[in-house]
Amino acid sequence: IYELDINLMLVIYLVAIAAEAMSGALAAGRRNM
């Protein structure tokens, strides 16, 4: 479980920054950037 957690946190981090980047792009689109 501990080893899985280490790998999971990296995956979660990568998914998180991708999702946040997409939310930022949508916000930019609403401002016609």
Full PDB file with SEQRES, HELIX, SHEET, SSBOND, CRYST1, ORIGX, SCALE, CONECT and MASTER records, all heavy atoms in Angstrom:
SEQRES   1 A   33  ILE TYR GLU LEU ASP ILE ASN LEU MET LEU VAL ILE TYR          
SEQRES   2 A   33  LEU VAL ALA ILE ALA ALA GLU ALA MET SER GLY ALA LEU          
SEQRES   3 A   33  ALA ALA GLY ARG ARG ASN MET                                  
HELIX    1 AA1 TYR A    2  ARG A   30  1                                  29    
CRYST1    1.000    1.000    1.000  90.00  90.00  90.00 P 1           1          
ORIGX1      1.000000  0.000000  0.000000        0.00000                         
ORIGX2      0.000000  1.000000  0.000000        0.00000                         
ORIGX3      0.000000  0.000000  1.000000        0.00000                         
SCALE1      1.000000  0.000000  0.000000        0.00000                         
SCALE2      0.000000  1.000000  0.000000        0.00000                         
SCALE3      0.000000  0.000000  1.000000        0.00000                         
ATOM      1  N   ILE A   1       0.840  -1.197   0.000  1.00  0.00           N  
ATOM      2  CA  ILE A   1       0.000   0.000   0.000  1.00  0.00           C  
ATOM      3  C   ILE A   1       0.874   1.245   0.000  1.00  0.00           C  
ATOM      4  O   ILE A   1       0.611   2.210  -0.710  1.00  0.00           O  
ATOM      5  CB  ILE A   1      -0.938   0.004   1.225  1.00  0.00           C  
ATOM      6  CG1 ILE A   1      -1.889  -1.198   1.155  1.00  0.00           C  
ATOM      7  CG2 ILE A   1      -1.722   1.299   1.312  1.00  0.00           C  
ATOM      8  CD1 ILE A   1      -2.813  -1.311   2.342  1.00  0.00           C  
ATOM      9  N   TYR A   2       1.947   1.228   0.790  1.00  0.00           N  
ATOM     10  CA  TYR A   2       2.843   2.378   0.842  1.00  0.00           C  
ATOM     11  C   TYR A   2       3.477   2.649  -0.522  1.00  0.00           C  
ATOM     12  O   TYR A   2       3.560   3.772  -0.986  1.00  0.00           O  
ATOM     13  CB  TYR A   2       3.952   2.150   1.877  1.00  0.00           C  
ATOM     14  CG  TYR A   2       3.480   1.976   3.291  1.00  0.00           C  
ATOM     15  CD1 TYR A   2       4.267   1.344   4.245  1.00  0.00           C  
ATOM     16  CD2 TYR A   2       2.236   2.475   3.693  1.00  0.00           C  
ATOM     17  CE1 TYR A   2       3.847   1.203   5.555  1.00  0.00           C  
ATOM     18  CE2 TYR A   2       1.804   2.335   5.008  1.00  0.00           C  
ATOM     19  CZ  TYR A   2       2.607   1.699   5.929  1.00  0.00           C  
ATOM     20  OH  TYR A   2       2.201   1.559   7.227  1.00  0.00           O  
ATOM     21  N   GLU A   3       3.949   1.567  -1.168  1.00  0.00           N  
ATOM     22  CA  GLU A   3       4.562   1.722  -2.481  1.00  0.00           C  
ATOM     23  C   GLU A   3       3.549   2.233  -3.491  1.00  0.00           C  
ATOM     24  O   GLU A   3       3.853   3.075  -4.340  1.00  0.00           O  
ATOM     25  CB  GLU A   3       5.144   0.381  -2.937  1.00  0.00           C  
ATOM     26  CG  GLU A   3       6.326  -0.069  -2.071  1.00  0.00           C  
ATOM     27  CD  GLU A   3       6.816  -1.448  -2.441  1.00  0.00           C  
ATOM     28  OE1 GLU A   3       6.154  -2.073  -3.299  1.00  0.00           O  
ATOM     29  OE2 GLU A   3       7.845  -1.890  -1.911  1.00  0.00           O  
ATOM     30  N   LEU A   4       2.320   1.740  -3.417  1.00  0.00           N  
ATOM     31  CA  LEU A   4       1.269   2.189  -4.312  1.00  0.00           C  
ATOM     32  C   LEU A   4       0.995   3.667  -4.089  1.00  0.00           C  
ATOM     33  O   LEU A   4       0.792   4.430  -5.037  1.00  0.00           O  
ATOM     34  CB  LEU A   4      -0.012   1.382  -4.069  1.00  0.00           C  
ATOM     35  CG  LEU A   4      -1.256   1.794  -4.878  1.00  0.00           C  
ATOM     36  CD1 LEU A   4      -1.003   1.607  -6.365  1.00  0.00           C  
ATOM     37  CD2 LEU A   4      -2.474   0.994  -4.444  1.00  0.00           C  
ATOM     38  N   ASP A   5       1.041   4.105  -2.821  1.00  0.00           N  
ATOM     39  CA  ASP A   5       0.777   5.500  -2.500  1.00  0.00           C  
ATOM     40  C   ASP A   5       1.789   6.421  -3.158  1.00  0.00           C  
ATOM     41  O   ASP A   5       1.453   7.465  -3.701  1.00  0.00           O  
ATOM     42  CB  ASP A   5       0.805   5.689  -0.983  1.00  0.00           C  
ATOM     43  CG  ASP A   5       0.707   7.156  -0.572  1.00  0.00           C  
ATOM     44  OD1 ASP A   5      -0.286   7.793  -0.959  1.00  0.00           O  
ATOM     45  OD2 ASP A   5       1.626   7.636   0.099  1.00  0.00           O  
ATOM     46  N   ILE A   6       3.077   6.024  -3.123  1.00  0.00           N  
ATOM     47  CA  ILE A   6       4.113   6.846  -3.722  1.00  0.00           C  
ATOM     48  C   ILE A   6       3.846   7.031  -5.210  1.00  0.00           C  
ATOM     49  O   ILE A   6       3.912   8.132  -5.746  1.00  0.00           O  
ATOM     50  CB  ILE A   6       5.503   6.218  -3.481  1.00  0.00           C  
ATOM     51  CG1 ILE A   6       5.832   6.227  -1.975  1.00  0.00           C  
ATOM     52  CG2 ILE A   6       6.568   6.956  -4.273  1.00  0.00           C  
ATOM     53  CD1 ILE A   6       7.085   5.468  -1.632  1.00  0.00           C  
ATOM     54  N   ASN A   7       3.523   5.931  -5.910  1.00  0.00           N  
ATOM     55  CA  ASN A   7       3.234   6.005  -7.330  1.00  0.00           C  
ATOM     56  C   ASN A   7       1.951   6.776  -7.584  1.00  0.00           C  
ATOM     57  O   ASN A   7       1.860   7.552  -8.535  1.00  0.00           O  
ATOM     58  CB  ASN A   7       3.137   4.599  -7.922  1.00  0.00           C  
ATOM     59  CG  ASN A   7       4.460   3.851  -7.840  1.00  0.00           C  
ATOM     60  OD1 ASN A   7       5.516   4.467  -7.918  1.00  0.00           O  
ATOM     61  ND2 ASN A   7       4.411   2.550  -7.664  1.00  0.00           N  
ATOM     62  N   LEU A   8       0.957   6.554  -6.742  1.00  0.00           N  
ATOM     63  CA  LEU A   8      -0.323   7.225  -6.904  1.00  0.00           C  
ATOM     64  C   LEU A   8      -0.181   8.733  -6.764  1.00  0.00           C  
ATOM     65  O   LEU A   8      -0.799   9.483  -7.521  1.00  0.00           O  
ATOM     66  CB  LEU A   8      -1.326   6.715  -5.863  1.00  0.00           C  
ATOM     67  CG  LEU A   8      -2.262   5.593  -6.297  1.00  0.00           C  
ATOM     68  CD1 LEU A   8      -3.201   5.234  -5.161  1.00  0.00           C  
ATOM     69  CD2 LEU A   8      -3.041   5.979  -7.536  1.00  0.00           C  
ATOM     70  N   MET A   9       0.620   9.201  -5.824  1.00  0.00           N  
ATOM     71  CA  MET A   9       0.763  10.628  -5.625  1.00  0.00           C  
ATOM     72  C   MET A   9       1.371  11.300  -6.851  1.00  0.00           C  
ATOM     73  O   MET A   9       0.984  12.409  -7.215  1.00  0.00           O  
ATOM     74  CB  MET A   9       1.603  10.921  -4.387  1.00  0.00           C  
ATOM     75  CG  MET A   9       0.867  10.731  -3.078  1.00  0.00           C  
ATOM     76  SD  MET A   9      -0.682  11.686  -2.978  1.00  0.00           S  
ATOM     77  CE  MET A   9      -0.063  13.362  -3.060  1.00  0.00           C  
ATOM     78  N   LEU A  10       2.310  10.629  -7.500  1.00  0.00           N  
ATOM     79  CA  LEU A  10       2.887  11.198  -8.717  1.00  0.00           C  
ATOM     80  C   LEU A  10       1.839  11.258  -9.820  1.00  0.00           C  
ATOM     81  O   LEU A  10       1.710  12.281 -10.508  1.00  0.00           O  
ATOM     82  CB  LEU A  10       4.085  10.363  -9.176  1.00  0.00           C  
ATOM     83  CG  LEU A  10       4.708  10.788 -10.513  1.00  0.00           C  
ATOM     84  CD1 LEU A  10       5.185  12.235 -10.441  1.00  0.00           C  
ATOM     85  CD2 LEU A  10       5.847   9.848 -10.897  1.00  0.00           C  
ATOM     86  N   VAL A  11       1.076  10.170  -9.966  1.00  0.00           N  
ATOM     87  CA  VAL A  11       0.021  10.146 -10.983  1.00  0.00           C  
ATOM     88  C   VAL A  11      -1.018  11.219 -10.689  1.00  0.00           C  
ATOM     89  O   VAL A  11      -1.454  11.967 -11.579  1.00  0.00           O  
ATOM     90  CB  VAL A  11      -0.643   8.754 -11.048  1.00  0.00           C  
ATOM     91  CG1 VAL A  11      -1.867   8.782 -11.957  1.00  0.00           C  
ATOM     92  CG2 VAL A  11       0.353   7.721 -11.544  1.00  0.00           C  
ATOM     93  N   ILE A  12      -1.418  11.310  -9.417  1.00  0.00           N  
ATOM     94  CA  ILE A  12      -2.413  12.308  -9.017  1.00  0.00           C  
ATOM     95  C   ILE A  12      -1.893  13.718  -9.288  1.00  0.00           C  
ATOM     96  O   ILE A  12      -2.631  14.585  -9.766  1.00  0.00           O  
ATOM     97  CB  ILE A  12      -2.780  12.140  -7.533  1.00  0.00           C  
ATOM     98  CG1 ILE A  12      -3.601  10.859  -7.342  1.00  0.00           C  
ATOM     99  CG2 ILE A  12      -3.560  13.346  -7.012  1.00  0.00           C  
ATOM    100  CD1 ILE A  12      -3.789  10.472  -5.897  1.00  0.00           C  
ATOM    101  N   TYR A  13      -0.609  13.945  -9.016  1.00  0.00           N  
ATOM    102  CA  TYR A  13      -0.037  15.263  -9.264  1.00  0.00           C  
ATOM    103  C   TYR A  13      -0.077  15.614 -10.746  1.00  0.00           C  
ATOM    104  O   TYR A  13      -0.454  16.733 -11.122  1.00  0.00           O  
ATOM    105  CB  TYR A  13       1.402  15.300  -8.759  1.00  0.00           C  
ATOM    106  CG  TYR A  13       2.106  16.605  -9.066  1.00  0.00           C  
ATOM    107  CD1 TYR A  13       1.802  17.760  -8.361  1.00  0.00           C  
ATOM    108  CD2 TYR A  13       3.057  16.681 -10.078  1.00  0.00           C  
ATOM    109  CE1 TYR A  13       2.426  18.968  -8.652  1.00  0.00           C  
ATOM    110  CE2 TYR A  13       3.691  17.880 -10.376  1.00  0.00           C  
ATOM    111  CZ  TYR A  13       3.370  19.013  -9.657  1.00  0.00           C  
ATOM    112  OH  TYR A  13       3.982  20.193  -9.958  1.00  0.00           O  
ATOM    113  N   LEU A  14       0.288  14.657 -11.592  1.00  0.00           N  
ATOM    114  CA  LEU A  14       0.284  14.911 -13.035  1.00  0.00           C  
ATOM    115  C   LEU A  14      -1.139  15.156 -13.543  1.00  0.00           C  
ATOM    116  O   LEU A  14      -1.372  16.056 -14.354  1.00  0.00           O  
ATOM    117  CB  LEU A  14       0.920  13.731 -13.775  1.00  0.00           C  
ATOM    118  CG  LEU A  14       2.413  13.496 -13.485  1.00  0.00           C  
ATOM    119  CD1 LEU A  14       2.908  12.260 -14.221  1.00  0.00           C  
ATOM    120  CD2 LEU A  14       3.241  14.717 -13.887  1.00  0.00           C  
ATOM    121  N   VAL A  15      -2.078  14.348 -13.056  1.00  0.00           N  
ATOM    122  CA  VAL A  15      -3.477  14.559 -13.440  1.00  0.00           C  
ATOM    123  C   VAL A  15      -3.956  15.919 -12.939  1.00  0.00           C  
ATOM    124  O   VAL A  15      -4.664  16.642 -13.650  1.00  0.00           O  
ATOM    125  CB  VAL A  15      -4.363  13.427 -12.879  1.00  0.00           C  
ATOM    126  CG1 VAL A  15      -5.842  13.755 -13.075  1.00  0.00           C  
ATOM    127  CG2 VAL A  15      -4.030  12.104 -13.558  1.00  0.00           C  
ATOM    128  N   ALA A  16      -3.541  16.275 -11.735  1.00  0.00           N  
ATOM    129  CA  ALA A  16      -3.993  17.531 -11.132  1.00  0.00           C  
ATOM    130  C   ALA A  16      -3.494  18.738 -11.911  1.00  0.00           C  
ATOM    131  O   ALA A  16      -4.268  19.667 -12.195  1.00  0.00           O  
ATOM    132  CB  ALA A  16      -3.517  17.610  -9.681  1.00  0.00           C  
ATOM    133  N   ILE A  17      -2.203  18.759 -12.281  1.00  0.00           N  
ATOM    134  CA  ILE A  17      -1.698  19.929 -12.999  1.00  0.00           C  
ATOM    135  C   ILE A  17      -2.306  20.006 -14.399  1.00  0.00           C  
ATOM    136  O   ILE A  17      -2.543  21.103 -14.914  1.00  0.00           O  
ATOM    137  CB  ILE A  17      -0.154  19.971 -13.051  1.00  0.00           C  
ATOM    138  CG1 ILE A  17       0.427  18.751 -13.764  1.00  0.00           C  
ATOM    139  CG2 ILE A  17       0.419  20.120 -11.653  1.00  0.00           C  
ATOM    140  CD1 ILE A  17       1.948  18.836 -13.935  1.00  0.00           C  
ATOM    141  N   ALA A  18      -2.591  18.852 -14.991  1.00  0.00           N  
ATOM    142  CA  ALA A  18      -3.247  18.865 -16.301  1.00  0.00           C  
ATOM    143  C   ALA A  18      -4.666  19.414 -16.179  1.00  0.00           C  
ATOM    144  O   ALA A  18      -5.106  20.236 -17.005  1.00  0.00           O  
ATOM    145  CB  ALA A  18      -3.260  17.460 -16.897  1.00  0.00           C  
ATOM    146  N   ALA A  19      -5.386  18.966 -15.155  1.00  0.00           N  
ATOM    147  CA  ALA A  19      -6.754  19.441 -14.954  1.00  0.00           C  
ATOM    148  C   ALA A  19      -6.787  20.928 -14.642  1.00  0.00           C  
ATOM    149  O   ALA A  19      -7.640  21.673 -15.153  1.00  0.00           O  
ATOM    150  CB  ALA A  19      -7.421  18.651 -13.825  1.00  0.00           C  
ATOM    151  N   GLU A  20      -5.846  21.402 -13.812  1.00  0.00           N  
ATOM    152  CA  GLU A  20      -5.795  22.822 -13.482  1.00  0.00           C  
ATOM    153  C   GLU A  20      -5.440  23.647 -14.708  1.00  0.00           C  
ATOM    154  O   GLU A  20      -5.964  24.760 -14.898  1.00  0.00           O  
ATOM    155  CB  GLU A  20      -4.779  23.063 -12.365  1.00  0.00           C  
ATOM    156  CG  GLU A  20      -5.162  22.468 -11.023  1.00  0.00           C  
ATOM    157  CD  GLU A  20      -6.448  23.063 -10.483  1.00  0.00           C  
ATOM    158  OE1 GLU A  20      -6.596  24.294 -10.516  1.00  0.00           O  
ATOM    159  OE2 GLU A  20      -7.321  22.292 -10.053  1.00  0.00           O  
ATOM    160  N   ALA A  21      -4.548  23.124 -15.547  1.00  0.00           N  
ATOM    161  CA  ALA A  21      -4.205  23.828 -16.777  1.00  0.00           C  
ATOM    162  C   ALA A  21      -5.434  23.962 -17.682  1.00  0.00           C  
ATOM    163  O   ALA A  21      -5.656  25.014 -18.303  1.00  0.00           O  
ATOM    164  CB  ALA A  21      -3.093  23.082 -17.515  1.00  0.00           C  
ATOM    165  N   MET A  22      -6.245  22.930 -17.750  1.00  0.00           N  
ATOM    166  CA  MET A  22      -7.451  22.969 -18.581  1.00  0.00           C  
ATOM    167  C   MET A  22      -8.465  23.959 -18.017  1.00  0.00           C  
ATOM    168  O   MET A  22      -9.128  24.690 -18.770  1.00  0.00           O  
ATOM    169  CB  MET A  22      -8.039  21.566 -18.706  1.00  0.00           C  
ATOM    170  CG  MET A  22      -7.113  20.593 -19.407  1.00  0.00           C  
ATOM    171  SD  MET A  22      -7.760  18.918 -19.585  1.00  0.00           S  
ATOM    172  CE  MET A  22      -8.659  19.061 -21.112  1.00  0.00           C  
ATOM    173  N   SER A  23      -8.570  24.013 -16.690  1.00  0.00           N  
ATOM    174  CA  SER A  23      -9.492  24.985 -16.093  1.00  0.00           C  
ATOM    175  C   SER A  23      -9.008  26.403 -16.372  1.00  0.00           C  
ATOM    176  O   SER A  23      -9.805  27.325 -16.605  1.00  0.00           O  
ATOM    177  CB  SER A  23      -9.627  24.744 -14.585  1.00  0.00           C  
ATOM    178  OG  SER A  23      -8.486  25.184 -13.876  1.00  0.00           O  
ATOM    179  N   GLY A  24      -7.688  26.599 -16.365  1.00  0.00           N  
ATOM    180  CA  GLY A  24      -7.142  27.910 -16.699  1.00  0.00           C  
ATOM    181  C   GLY A  24      -7.414  28.282 -18.148  1.00  0.00           C  
ATOM    182  O   GLY A  24      -7.747  29.436 -18.452  1.00  0.00           O  
ATOM    183  N   ALA A  25      -7.281  27.314 -19.044  1.00  0.00           N  
ATOM    184  CA  ALA A  25      -7.553  27.570 -20.458  1.00  0.00           C  
ATOM    185  C   ALA A  25      -9.010  27.946 -20.674  1.00  0.00           C  
ATOM    186  O   ALA A  25      -9.327  28.841 -21.476  1.00  0.00           O  
ATOM    187  CB  ALA A  25      -7.183  26.337 -21.280  1.00  0.00           C  
ATOM    188  N   LEU A  26      -9.913  27.279 -19.982  1.00  0.00           N  
ATOM    189  CA  LEU A  26     -11.337  27.613 -20.106  1.00  0.00           C  
ATOM    190  C   LEU A  26     -11.612  29.033 -19.613  1.00  0.00           C  
ATOM    191  O   LEU A  26     -12.393  29.778 -20.222  1.00  0.00           O  
ATOM    192  CB  LEU A  26     -12.183  26.605 -19.320  1.00  0.00           C  
ATOM    193  CG  LEU A  26     -12.246  25.186 -19.890  1.00  0.00           C  
ATOM    194  CD1 LEU A  26     -12.990  24.262 -18.933  1.00  0.00           C  
ATOM    195  CD2 LEU A  26     -12.910  25.175 -21.260  1.00  0.00           C  
ATOM    196  N   ALA A  27     -10.971  29.407 -18.505  1.00  0.00           N  
ATOM    197  CA  ALA A  27     -11.143  30.767 -17.986  1.00  0.00           C  
ATOM    198  C   ALA A  27     -10.616  31.788 -18.990  1.00  0.00           C  
ATOM    199  O   ALA A  27     -11.223  32.844 -19.200  1.00  0.00           O  
ATOM    200  CB  ALA A  27     -10.418  30.912 -16.649  1.00  0.00           C  
ATOM    201  N   ALA A  28      -9.487  31.477 -19.634  1.00  0.00           N  
ATOM    202  CA  ALA A  28      -8.936  32.370 -20.653  1.00  0.00           C  
ATOM    203  C   ALA A  28      -9.876  32.477 -21.844  1.00  0.00           C  
ATOM    204  O   ALA A  28     -10.049  33.557 -22.425  1.00  0.00           O  
ATOM    205  CB  ALA A  28      -7.562  31.865 -21.098  1.00  0.00           C  
ATOM    206  N   GLY A  29     -10.492  31.342 -22.212  1.00  0.00           N  
ATOM    207  CA  GLY A  29     -11.435  31.357 -23.322  1.00  0.00           C  
ATOM    208  C   GLY A  29     -12.646  32.212 -23.049  1.00  0.00           C  
ATOM    209  O   GLY A  29     -13.170  32.879 -23.957  1.00  0.00           O  
ATOM    210  N   ARG A  30     -13.092  32.235 -21.800  1.00  0.00           N  
ATOM    211  CA  ARG A  30     -14.237  33.079 -21.452  1.00  0.00           C  
ATOM    212  C   ARG A  30     -13.895  34.561 -21.542  1.00  0.00           C  
ATOM    213  O   ARG A  30     -14.789  35.408 -21.603  1.00  0.00           O  
ATOM    214  CB  ARG A  30     -14.737  32.714 -20.050  1.00  0.00           C  
ATOM    215  CG  ARG A  30     -15.503  31.389 -19.997  1.00  0.00           C  
ATOM    216  CD  ARG A  30     -16.223  31.209 -18.670  1.00  0.00           C  
ATOM    217  NE  ARG A  30     -15.310  30.949 -17.586  1.00  0.00           N  
ATOM    218  CZ  ARG A  30     -14.913  29.732 -17.208  1.00  0.00           C  
ATOM    219  NH1 ARG A  30     -15.371  28.669 -17.855  1.00  0.00           N  
ATOM    220  NH2 ARG A  30     -14.088  29.566 -16.195  1.00  0.00           N  
ATOM    221  N   ARG A  31     -12.591  34.868 -21.547  1.00  0.00           N  
ATOM    222  CA  ARG A  31     -12.143  36.262 -21.701  1.00  0.00           C  
ATOM    223  C   ARG A  31     -11.626  36.526 -23.117  1.00  0.00           C  
ATOM    224  O   ARG A  31     -10.986  37.554 -23.370  1.00  0.00           O  
ATOM    225  CB  ARG A  31     -11.050  36.575 -20.682  1.00  0.00           C  
ATOM    226  CG  ARG A  31     -11.555  36.628 -19.248  1.00  0.00           C  
ATOM    227  CD  ARG A  31     -12.569  37.742 -19.078  1.00  0.00           C  
ATOM    228  NE  ARG A  31     -13.087  37.799 -17.712  1.00  0.00           N  
ATOM    229  CZ  ARG A  31     -13.965  38.699 -17.295  1.00  0.00           C  
ATOM    230  NH1 ARG A  31     -14.427  39.601 -18.144  1.00  0.00           N  
ATOM    231  NH2 ARG A  31     -14.412  38.688 -16.056  1.00  0.00           N  
ATOM    232  N   ASN A  32     -11.863  35.587 -24.039  1.00  0.00           N  
ATOM    233  CA  ASN A  32     -11.499  35.759 -25.446  1.00  0.00           C  
ATOM    234  C   ASN A  32     -10.007  36.025 -25.646  1.00  0.00           C  
ATOM    235  O   ASN A  32      -9.621  36.879 -26.463  1.00  0.00           O  
ATOM    236  CB  ASN A  32     -12.321  36.898 -26.084  1.00  0.00           C  
ATOM    237  CG  ASN A  32     -13.811  36.631 -26.034  1.00  0.00           C  
ATOM    238  OD1 ASN A  32     -14.269  35.533 -26.381  1.00  0.00           O  
ATOM    239  ND2 ASN A  32     -14.582  37.612 -25.591  1.00  0.00           N  
ATOM    240  N   MET A  33      -9.174  35.310 -24.918  1.00  0.00           N  
ATOM    241  CA  MET A  33      -7.732  35.480 -25.061  1.00  0.00           C  
ATOM    242  C   MET A  33      -7.222  34.700 -26.271  1.00  0.00           C  
ATOM    243  O   MET A  33      -7.840  33.726 -26.720  1.00  0.00           O  
ATOM    244  CB  MET A  33      -7.011  35.005 -23.795  1.00  0.00           C  
ATOM    245  CG  MET A  33      -7.318  35.836 -22.569  1.00  0.00           C  
ATOM    246  SD  MET A  33      -6.280  35.367 -21.158  1.00  0.00           S  
ATOM    247  CE  MET A  33      -6.986  36.397 -19.870  1.00  0.00           C  
TER     248      MET A  33                                                      
MASTER        0    0    0    1    0    0    0    6  247    1    0    3          
END                                                                             
